[in-house]
Amino acid sequence: MKRRVSWREQYWEFRPLGPDGVEGDVVLYGTQRQLRVPEEYPFSTDRAHTRPSMTVRARGVINLGNACYDAFDERGAPIGCLQYRWMESQVVHTWRVMGRGADLVGMQQNVLGGMLRVAFSRLPVVSLIPLRRGFDFRFRDTTGAERLRVECRAGSRDRYTVTTPGGSVDIRLAAGIALLLDWRGGI
């Protein structure tokens, strides 16, 4: 996944990664229009958004505390929920992914790095400086098995690698949480 920015919107491109590590063609686009209230992220299979795939929409106008984002398929049927866990995130940013057959909790693997990220995100001056930081979020089910992983490699343009070991998580939810980690939770 890569983020792009234009004057009207931000958009994300999702590309499959082949076994040789080469990126394929774009298979999914996610966008966010500037100043949209409540937050909404439509996903489609083409840049013009003529073939919608899903939508992630904030439940509330202002997300205080446990922000929750609902994911809907192209027909408007719910496919899951992505929730920012505010209390746990006071130490390390924590997210929950709930969907068909999945109830996962994810947090940054490097606890010290996560604690520093939270501490720096609380400083008003630091939030004005565009710092590039990599992270590795792993989402586990109730048995402790890893079911989803989102890795960010910091650079002039952040690049994300999203993997679903065993393919047991709906790829649309995986794309939605990757986008939210970039925009909201990878602070």
Protein backbone atom coordinates (compact mmCIF):
# COMPACT_ATOMS: atom_id res chain seq x y z
CA MET A 1 0.00 0.00 0.00
CA LYS A 2 1.19 3.50 -0.83
CA ARG A 3 -0.36 6.86 0.02
CA ARG A 4 -0.68 9.65 -2.52
CA VAL A 5 -1.91 13.19 -1.89
CA SER A 6 -3.66 15.60 -4.22
CA TRP A 7 -5.16 19.01 -3.48
CA ARG A 8 -8.70 17.60 -3.10
CA GLU A 9 -8.09 14.22 -1.51
CA GLN A 10 -5.70 11.65 -0.26
CA TYR A 11 -5.71 8.26 -1.86
CA TRP A 12 -4.08 4.94 -1.25
CA GLU A 13 -3.04 2.35 -3.82
CA PHE A 14 -3.06 -1.34 -2.97
CA ARG A 15 -0.87 -3.61 -5.08
CA PRO A 16 -0.24 -7.34 -4.69
CA LEU A 17 3.30 -8.37 -3.93
CA GLY A 18 4.55 -11.33 -5.93
CA PRO A 19 6.69 -14.15 -4.51
CA ASP A 20 9.74 -12.47 -6.05
CA GLY A 21 8.96 -9.22 -4.20
CA VAL A 22 7.86 -7.32 -7.30
CA GLU A 23 4.73 -5.19 -7.02
CA GLY A 24 1.85 -5.91 -9.37
CA ASP A 25 -0.74 -3.57 -10.83
CA VAL A 26 -3.08 -1.60 -8.57
CA VAL A 27 -6.02 -3.78 -7.50
CA LEU A 28 -7.71 -1.44 -5.02
CA TYR A 29 -7.92 2.31 -4.43
CA GLY A 30 -8.94 3.93 -1.17
CA THR A 31 -9.66 7.65 -0.85
CA GLN A 32 -10.47 10.27 1.73
CA ARG A 33 -11.89 13.61 0.70
CA GLN A 34 -10.47 16.53 2.65
CA LEU A 35 -12.68 17.89 5.47
CA ARG A 36 -15.35 15.17 5.14
CA VAL A 37 -17.45 14.77 8.30
CA PRO A 38 -17.90 12.06 9.42
CA GLU A 39 -14.78 10.44 8.07
CA GLU A 40 -15.43 8.17 5.11
CA TYR A 41 -13.02 6.10 3.03
CA PRO A 42 -14.51 4.64 -0.16
CA PHE A 43 -12.57 1.80 -1.80
CA SER A 44 -12.89 0.83 -5.45
CA THR A 45 -11.12 -1.24 -8.06
CA ASP A 46 -10.56 1.77 -10.36
CA ARG A 47 -9.27 5.29 -9.75
CA ALA A 48 -12.51 6.92 -11.02
CA HIS A 49 -14.54 4.98 -8.41
CA THR A 50 -16.98 3.54 -10.94
CA ARG A 51 -16.55 0.00 -9.51
CA PRO A 52 -16.90 0.30 -5.69
CA SER A 53 -15.52 -2.47 -3.50
CA MET A 54 -16.24 -1.28 0.06
CA THR A 55 -16.55 1.77 2.31
CA VAL A 56 -15.12 2.42 5.77
CA ARG A 57 -17.11 5.05 7.66
CA ALA A 58 -16.66 6.54 11.13
CA ARG A 59 -19.61 5.94 13.46
CA GLY A 60 -19.33 9.35 15.07
CA VAL A 61 -18.74 12.85 13.77
CA ILE A 62 -15.99 13.43 16.32
CA ASN A 63 -14.06 10.37 17.43
CA LEU A 64 -13.16 10.70 21.08
CA GLY A 65 -11.91 7.68 22.95
CA ASN A 66 -12.68 4.36 21.28
CA ALA A 67 -13.16 5.49 17.69
CA CYS A 68 -15.09 2.92 15.69
CA TYR A 69 -15.19 2.60 11.93
CA ASP A 70 -17.75 0.37 10.21
CA ALA A 71 -16.85 -1.42 6.98
CA PHE A 72 -19.54 -2.03 4.35
CA ASP A 73 -19.39 -3.99 1.10
CA GLU A 74 -20.30 -2.52 -2.29
CA ARG A 75 -24.03 -3.10 -1.62
CA GLY A 76 -23.97 -1.47 1.83
CA ALA A 77 -24.06 -4.69 3.87
CA PRO A 78 -21.80 -4.64 6.96
CA ILE A 79 -18.62 -6.71 6.74
CA GLY A 80 -16.90 -5.67 9.95
CA CYS A 81 -15.77 -3.02 12.39
CA LEU A 82 -12.36 -1.44 13.00
CA GLN A 83 -11.95 0.03 16.48
CA TYR A 84 -9.22 2.18 18.01
CA ARG A 85 -8.72 1.08 21.64
CA TRP A 86 -8.13 4.34 23.46
CA MET A 87 -7.36 3.06 26.96
CA GLU A 88 -4.81 0.46 25.82
CA SER A 89 -3.35 3.04 23.43
CA GLN A 90 -2.16 5.17 26.32
CA VAL A 91 0.83 2.81 26.44
CA VAL A 92 1.01 1.34 22.89
CA HIS A 93 -1.37 2.08 20.00
CA THR A 94 -3.94 -0.73 19.89
CA TRP A 95 -6.63 -1.56 17.31
CA ARG A 96 -9.34 -4.21 17.14
CA VAL A 97 -10.62 -5.79 13.92
CA MET A 98 -14.00 -7.52 14.06
CA GLY A 99 -15.55 -9.23 11.07
CA ARG A 100 -16.92 -12.53 9.80
CA GLY A 101 -15.01 -15.17 11.71
CA ALA A 102 -12.44 -12.69 13.04
CA ASP A 103 -12.04 -10.88 16.33
CA LEU A 104 -8.47 -9.66 16.38
CA VAL A 105 -6.50 -7.28 18.59
CA GLY A 106 -3.39 -5.69 17.18
CA MET A 107 -0.62 -3.61 18.60
CA GLN A 108 2.84 -2.52 17.67
CA GLN A 109 5.39 -5.29 18.11
CA ASN A 110 8.20 -3.07 19.32
CA VAL A 111 6.78 -2.04 22.70
CA LEU A 112 9.52 0.51 23.44
CA GLY A 113 9.08 2.05 19.99
CA GLY A 114 5.32 2.08 20.52
CA MET A 115 5.65 3.78 23.89
CA LEU A 116 7.95 6.43 22.39
CA ARG A 117 5.48 6.94 19.52
CA VAL A 118 2.65 7.54 22.02
CA ALA A 119 4.79 9.89 24.12
CA PHE A 120 5.88 11.94 21.10
CA SER A 121 2.34 12.09 19.71
CA ARG A 122 1.26 13.87 22.93
CA LEU A 123 3.71 16.75 22.38
CA PRO A 124 2.06 19.58 20.43
CA VAL A 125 5.21 20.74 18.63
CA VAL A 126 6.20 17.27 17.42
CA SER A 127 2.87 16.77 15.65
CA LEU A 128 3.72 19.72 13.39
CA ILE A 129 6.93 18.07 12.17
CA PRO A 130 6.38 15.42 9.47
CA LEU A 131 8.49 12.64 10.95
CA ARG A 132 8.72 9.34 9.08
CA ARG A 133 8.47 6.34 11.38
CA GLY A 134 8.20 2.69 10.56
CA PHE A 135 6.13 0.25 12.58
CA ASP A 136 5.01 -3.36 12.69
CA PHE A 137 1.45 -4.09 13.85
CA ARG A 138 0.47 -7.72 14.43
CA PHE A 139 -3.14 -8.72 14.96
CA ARG A 140 -3.84 -11.88 16.95
CA ASP A 141 -7.01 -13.83 17.66
CA THR A 142 -8.14 -15.01 21.10
CA THR A 143 -5.85 -18.05 20.91
CA GLY A 144 -2.80 -15.83 20.28
CA ALA A 145 -2.34 -16.91 16.66
CA GLU A 146 -1.21 -14.15 14.30
CA ARG A 147 -3.89 -13.58 11.64
CA LEU A 148 -2.95 -10.17 10.20
CA ARG A 149 0.24 -8.12 9.96
CA VAL A 150 0.78 -4.55 8.77
CA GLU A 151 4.37 -3.36 8.37
CA CYS A 152 5.36 0.18 7.50
CA ARG A 153 8.79 0.94 6.10
CA ALA A 154 9.59 4.58 6.69
CA GLY A 155 10.96 6.61 3.84
CA SER A 156 10.25 9.68 1.77
CA ARG A 157 7.02 7.84 0.87
CA ASP A 158 5.83 5.29 3.40
CA ARG A 159 5.26 1.80 2.04
CA TYR A 160 3.11 -0.76 3.78
CA THR A 161 3.14 -4.52 3.51
CA VAL A 162 -0.09 -6.23 4.57
CA THR A 163 -0.08 -10.01 5.07
CA THR A 164 -2.84 -12.35 6.21
CA PRO A 165 -1.22 -15.62 7.33
CA GLY A 166 -3.50 -18.45 6.24
CA GLY A 167 -5.77 -16.02 4.38
CA SER A 168 -8.38 -16.20 7.14
CA VAL A 169 -9.08 -12.43 7.33
CA ASP A 170 -11.26 -10.67 4.75
CA ILE A 171 -8.77 -8.79 2.57
CA ARG A 172 -11.09 -5.77 2.52
CA LEU A 173 -10.84 -5.48 6.32
CA ALA A 174 -7.06 -5.85 6.03
CA ALA A 175 -6.98 -2.98 3.50
CA GLY A 176 -9.23 -0.87 5.74
CA ILE A 177 -7.08 -1.30 8.84
CA ALA A 178 -3.90 -0.60 6.86
CA LEU A 179 -5.40 2.68 5.66
CA LEU A 180 -6.53 3.63 9.18
CA LEU A 181 -3.12 2.76 10.64
CA ASP A 182 -1.56 5.11 8.12
CA TRP A 183 -4.06 7.91 8.59
CA ARG A 184 -5.16 7.59 12.25
CA GLY A 185 -3.28 5.04 14.27
CA GLY A 186 0.34 4.88 13.22
CA ILE A 187 0.85 8.23 14.92
